[in-house]
Amino acid sequence: MKFSLHGKTAIVTGGGSGIGKAISLTFASYGAKVHILDFNDEASQDTLSEIQALGNNAKAHICDVSNQENVNQIIGKITENGVPDILVNNAGIAHVGNIEAVSEQDLDKLYNVNIKGVYNCTKAILPYMKKKGGGIILNIASVAASVGITDRFAYSMTKGAVLTMTYSIANDYVNHGIRCNSISPGRVYTPFVDGFIKKNYPGQEEEIFEKLSKTQPIGRMAEPQEVADLALFLCSDEAKFITGTDYPIDGGFIKLKG
């Protein structure tokens, strides 16, 4: 079967909701044992239950990706039963505002999760992958890493770092059999979108949703499953000749409007 992950082990950070949940469910359904790392225990347990209900293999771990000691401890424990083949650095947080609207606390929070989180998890897994002779690292970046988006200063900054970390890791570890790529989604319809609109535009939910949907030339937001399907391809053997590449999945946003 094409894109099979049978016999492989994957770690998915932020695997309890949104894109991370879709990736966790998809990887498990294609045969991988999935380790869900998430700060929200309830969300990760819900994803775990869905995977197990389908008869697939997974385990959930409460993890703060911004805490290096916590990350090292969890990944060290996971590797006791074999070195994971795949790491998906998906965990991330958003922020709305230009540079004047970003406090030092805001900046530190986004840095700690979106940048340091990728650094911590990648740094923790690389020695094991090197010893094993290979592995796959997939980072979730954003279209905001490549084009200017209004009022996304801190978020764009952190996702730009994720993009360039991808290139650096791919270059430095290609001779160790480690592939590193990234995915740059446009707007994706997750529960976060509904919460964001409700909080910031009360009474205008339908209007704002339609406006955000039409930001993409294709006329709608992406579904989490569409991102998960791309992640599946990039982490499968069918993509074994691909490394050091970013894949926009944005309904034409970067090339047609950026």
Protein backbone atom coordinates (compact mmCIF):
# COMPACT_ATOMS: atom_id res chain seq x y z
CA MET A 1 0.00 0.00 0.00
CA LYS A 2 1.35 3.39 -0.96
CA PHE A 3 2.15 5.83 1.85
CA SER A 4 2.15 3.00 4.40
CA LEU A 5 3.72 3.81 7.78
CA HIS A 6 3.39 0.23 8.98
CA GLY A 7 6.05 -0.63 11.54
CA LYS A 8 7.07 3.00 12.03
CA THR A 9 6.82 5.19 15.11
CA ALA A 10 5.90 8.87 14.96
CA ILE A 11 5.94 11.71 17.47
CA VAL A 12 3.43 14.49 16.83
CA THR A 13 3.65 17.61 18.98
CA GLY A 14 0.41 19.49 19.51
CA GLY A 15 -1.30 16.27 18.47
CA GLY A 16 -4.39 16.83 20.59
CA SER A 17 -6.26 19.24 18.33
CA GLY A 18 -6.52 20.86 14.92
CA ILE A 19 -3.85 19.96 12.36
CA GLY A 20 -1.92 17.89 14.90
CA LYS A 21 -4.96 15.76 15.67
CA ALA A 22 -5.60 15.14 11.97
CA ILE A 23 -1.96 14.13 11.48
CA SER A 24 -2.04 11.81 14.50
CA LEU A 25 -5.22 10.09 13.32
CA THR A 26 -3.98 9.78 9.74
CA PHE A 27 -0.57 8.41 10.68
CA ALA A 28 -2.16 5.87 13.01
CA SER A 29 -4.65 4.77 10.35
CA TYR A 30 -1.72 4.16 7.97
CA GLY A 31 0.03 1.89 10.43
CA ALA A 32 2.25 4.07 12.59
CA LYS A 33 2.45 3.92 16.34
CA VAL A 34 1.81 7.54 17.30
CA HIS A 35 3.09 9.35 20.37
CA ILE A 36 0.90 12.41 20.96
CA LEU A 37 2.71 15.21 22.78
CA ASP A 38 0.43 17.99 23.97
CA PHE A 39 0.21 20.50 26.81
CA ASN A 40 -3.56 19.90 26.99
CA ASP A 41 -4.07 16.49 28.55
CA GLU A 42 -7.82 16.40 27.86
CA ALA A 43 -7.32 17.10 24.16
CA SER A 44 -4.56 14.51 23.79
CA GLN A 45 -6.64 11.90 25.59
CA ASP A 46 -9.55 12.58 23.23
CA THR A 47 -7.29 12.03 20.21
CA LEU A 48 -5.85 8.92 21.82
CA SER A 49 -9.35 7.52 22.40
CA GLU A 50 -10.30 8.10 18.75
CA ILE A 51 -7.18 6.31 17.55
CA GLN A 52 -7.70 3.37 19.88
CA ALA A 53 -11.38 3.11 18.97
CA LEU A 54 -10.25 2.42 15.40
CA GLY A 55 -7.96 -0.33 16.65
CA ASN A 56 -4.76 1.61 16.07
CA ASN A 57 -1.74 2.14 18.30
CA ALA A 58 -0.98 5.37 20.14
CA LYS A 59 0.12 6.86 23.43
CA ALA A 60 -0.44 10.32 24.89
CA HIS A 61 2.10 12.36 26.85
CA ILE A 62 1.59 15.66 28.66
CA CYS A 63 4.42 17.82 27.34
CA ASP A 64 5.45 21.46 27.39
CA VAL A 65 7.59 21.73 24.27
CA SER A 66 9.10 24.98 25.54
CA ASN A 67 10.65 23.12 28.50
CA GLN A 68 13.80 21.34 27.37
CA GLU A 69 14.04 19.13 30.45
CA ASN A 70 10.43 17.99 30.01
CA VAL A 71 11.01 17.27 26.29
CA ASN A 72 14.24 15.36 26.92
CA GLN A 73 12.60 13.25 29.59
CA ILE A 74 9.62 12.28 27.42
CA ILE A 75 11.60 11.59 24.24
CA GLY A 76 14.16 9.64 26.25
CA LYS A 77 11.38 7.48 27.66
CA ILE A 78 9.83 6.95 24.22
CA THR A 79 13.17 5.79 22.78
CA GLU A 80 13.46 3.05 25.42
CA ASN A 81 11.12 1.01 23.21
CA GLY A 82 12.81 1.92 19.94
CA VAL A 83 13.89 5.07 18.13
CA PRO A 84 11.00 6.96 16.48
CA ASP A 85 11.18 7.20 12.70
CA ILE A 86 9.25 10.46 12.42
CA LEU A 87 9.02 13.72 14.35
CA VAL A 88 6.31 16.21 13.41
CA ASN A 89 6.91 19.61 15.02
CA ASN A 90 3.34 20.89 14.91
CA ALA A 91 2.81 22.55 18.31
CA GLY A 92 2.39 26.29 18.00
CA ILE A 93 0.46 29.33 19.15
CA ALA A 94 -0.82 32.40 17.31
CA HIS A 95 -0.86 36.15 17.96
CA VAL A 96 -2.61 39.05 16.27
CA GLY A 97 -0.97 42.46 16.15
CA ASN A 98 1.74 44.59 14.55
CA ILE A 99 5.07 45.24 16.31
CA GLU A 100 3.59 48.03 18.44
CA ALA A 101 0.89 45.68 19.71
CA VAL A 102 3.36 42.95 20.71
CA SER A 103 4.51 43.11 24.32
CA GLU A 104 7.77 41.61 25.46
CA GLN A 105 5.75 38.92 27.24
CA ASP A 106 3.87 38.12 24.01
CA LEU A 107 7.13 37.84 22.10
CA ASP A 108 8.72 35.58 24.70
CA LYS A 109 5.68 33.30 24.76
CA LEU A 110 5.62 32.85 20.99
CA TYR A 111 9.37 32.36 20.87
CA ASN A 112 9.27 29.72 23.60
CA VAL A 113 6.58 27.62 21.91
CA ASN A 114 6.97 28.21 18.18
CA ILE A 115 10.76 28.43 17.93
CA LYS A 116 12.23 26.91 21.08
CA GLY A 117 9.67 24.10 20.94
CA VAL A 118 10.92 23.03 17.51
CA TYR A 119 14.51 23.39 18.69
CA ASN A 120 13.92 21.36 21.86
CA CYS A 121 12.15 18.46 20.18
CA THR A 122 14.52 18.29 17.22
CA LYS A 123 17.63 18.53 19.38
CA ALA A 124 16.31 15.76 21.62
CA ILE A 125 15.55 13.30 18.79
CA LEU A 126 18.55 13.89 16.50
CA PRO A 127 21.16 11.86 18.43
CA TYR A 128 18.83 8.84 18.37
CA MET A 129 18.06 9.23 14.66
CA LYS A 130 21.77 9.61 13.87
CA LYS A 131 22.59 6.43 15.76
CA LYS A 132 19.76 4.61 13.98
CA GLY A 133 20.97 5.82 10.62
CA GLY A 134 18.05 7.96 9.54
CA GLY A 135 14.74 9.58 10.26
CA ILE A 136 12.22 12.15 9.16
CA ILE A 137 11.54 15.57 10.66
CA LEU A 138 8.55 17.56 9.44
CA ASN A 139 7.97 21.12 10.66
CA ILE A 140 4.68 22.98 10.40
CA ALA A 141 5.52 26.51 9.27
CA SER A 142 3.03 28.94 7.69
CA VAL A 143 2.45 31.11 4.64
CA ALA A 144 3.23 33.93 7.08
CA ALA A 145 6.87 32.82 6.89
CA SER A 146 7.04 33.71 3.21
CA VAL A 147 4.77 36.73 2.63
CA GLY A 148 3.72 39.76 4.63
CA ILE A 149 0.40 39.39 6.44
CA THR A 150 -1.18 42.35 8.22
CA ASP A 151 -1.02 42.29 12.04
CA ARG A 152 0.96 39.06 12.34
CA PHE A 153 4.37 40.43 13.35
CA ALA A 154 5.31 38.00 16.13
CA TYR A 155 3.67 34.99 14.53
CA SER A 156 5.34 35.66 11.17
CA MET A 157 8.70 36.09 12.88
CA THR A 158 8.46 32.72 14.61
CA LYS A 159 7.25 30.85 11.55
CA GLY A 160 10.04 32.41 9.50
CA ALA A 161 12.42 30.86 12.00
CA VAL A 162 10.71 27.48 11.62
CA LEU A 163 11.20 27.70 7.85
CA THR A 164 14.90 28.52 8.05
CA MET A 165 15.47 25.90 10.77
CA THR A 166 14.04 23.39 8.30
CA TYR A 167 16.61 24.33 5.65
CA SER A 168 19.47 24.29 8.15
CA ILE A 169 18.58 20.90 9.65
CA ALA A 170 18.07 19.36 6.21
CA ASN A 171 21.49 20.56 5.10
CA ASP A 172 23.36 19.56 8.25
CA TYR A 173 21.93 16.05 8.56
CA VAL A 174 21.36 14.85 5.00
CA ASN A 175 24.50 12.69 5.25
CA HIS A 176 23.01 11.01 8.33
CA GLY A 177 20.01 9.80 6.35
CA ILE A 178 17.73 12.34 8.02
CA ARG A 179 15.21 14.19 5.87
CA CYS A 180 13.72 17.50 7.02
CA ASN A 181 10.90 19.34 5.27
CA SER A 182 8.18 21.80 6.21
CA ILE A 183 4.57 22.49 5.36
CA SER A 184 3.27 26.06 5.16
CA PRO A 185 -0.51 26.08 5.51
CA GLY A 186 -2.68 29.04 4.66
CA ARG A 187 -5.80 29.49 6.76
CA VAL A 188 -7.05 26.15 8.05
CA TYR A 189 -10.51 25.68 9.48
CA THR A 190 -10.01 24.45 13.05
CA PRO A 191 -11.88 25.11 16.32
CA PHE A 192 -9.32 27.89 16.90
CA VAL A 193 -10.80 29.86 13.99
CA ASP A 194 -14.30 29.78 15.45
CA GLY A 195 -12.98 30.84 18.85
CA PHE A 196 -10.88 33.63 17.36
CA ILE A 197 -13.80 35.06 15.37
CA LYS A 198 -16.20 34.82 18.30
CA LYS A 199 -13.76 36.58 20.63
CA ASN A 200 -12.68 39.36 18.29
CA TYR A 201 -15.78 39.92 16.12
CA PRO A 202 -18.89 39.20 18.23
CA GLY A 203 -22.05 39.46 16.17
CA GLN A 204 -20.09 39.40 12.91
CA GLU A 205 -19.18 35.72 12.87
CA GLU A 206 -20.64 34.81 9.48
CA GLU A 207 -19.32 37.92 7.76
CA ILE A 208 -15.78 37.52 9.11
CA PHE A 209 -15.71 33.79 8.39
CA GLU A 210 -16.64 34.49 4.77
CA LYS A 211 -14.00 37.23 4.54
CA LEU A 212 -11.27 34.99 5.93
CA SER A 213 -12.31 32.14 3.65
CA LYS A 214 -12.03 34.35 0.57
CA THR A 215 -8.49 35.36 1.49
CA GLN A 216 -7.44 32.19 -0.29
CA PRO A 217 -7.89 32.50 -4.08
CA ILE A 218 -9.47 29.05 -4.09
CA GLY A 219 -12.31 30.57 -2.05
CA ARG A 220 -12.22 28.58 1.20
CA MET A 221 -10.02 27.56 4.10
CA ALA A 222 -8.14 24.29 4.11
CA GLU A 223 -9.39 21.32 6.09
CA PRO A 224 -6.98 19.84 8.68
CA GLN A 225 -7.21 16.52 6.85
CA GLU A 226 -5.78 18.08 3.70
CA VAL A 227 -2.69 19.16 5.63
CA ALA A 228 -2.49 15.72 7.25
CA ASP A 229 -2.56 14.01 3.85
CA LEU A 230 0.39 16.11 2.69
CA ALA A 231 2.21 15.29 5.93
CA LEU A 232 1.57 11.60 5.31
CA PHE A 233 3.17 11.80 1.88
CA LEU A 234 6.22 13.70 3.12
CA CYS A 235 6.78 11.20 5.94
CA SER A 236 6.30 8.13 3.75
CA ASP A 237 8.86 6.23 1.70
CA GLU A 238 7.27 7.68 -1.44
CA ALA A 239 8.94 10.99 -0.50
CA LYS A 240 12.38 9.56 0.31
CA PHE A 241 14.04 11.76 -2.35
CA ILE A 242 12.65 14.95 -0.82
CA THR A 243 14.46 17.03 1.78
CA GLY A 244 15.10 20.71 2.52
CA THR A 245 11.83 21.79 0.93
CA ASP A 246 8.85 23.83 2.09
CA TYR A 247 5.40 22.89 0.80
CA PRO A 248 2.75 25.64 0.81
CA ILE A 249 -0.81 24.32 1.08
CA ASP A 250 -2.62 27.60 0.79
CA GLY A 251 -5.26 27.61 -1.92
CA GLY A 252 -2.98 29.72 -4.11
CA PHE A 253 -2.34 32.44 -1.51
CA ILE A 254 1.44 32.88 -1.89
CA LYS A 255 1.72 32.71 -5.67
CA LEU A 256 -1.57 34.33 -6.64
CA LYS A 257 -1.93 37.03 -3.97
CA GLY A 258 1.37 37.25 -2.09
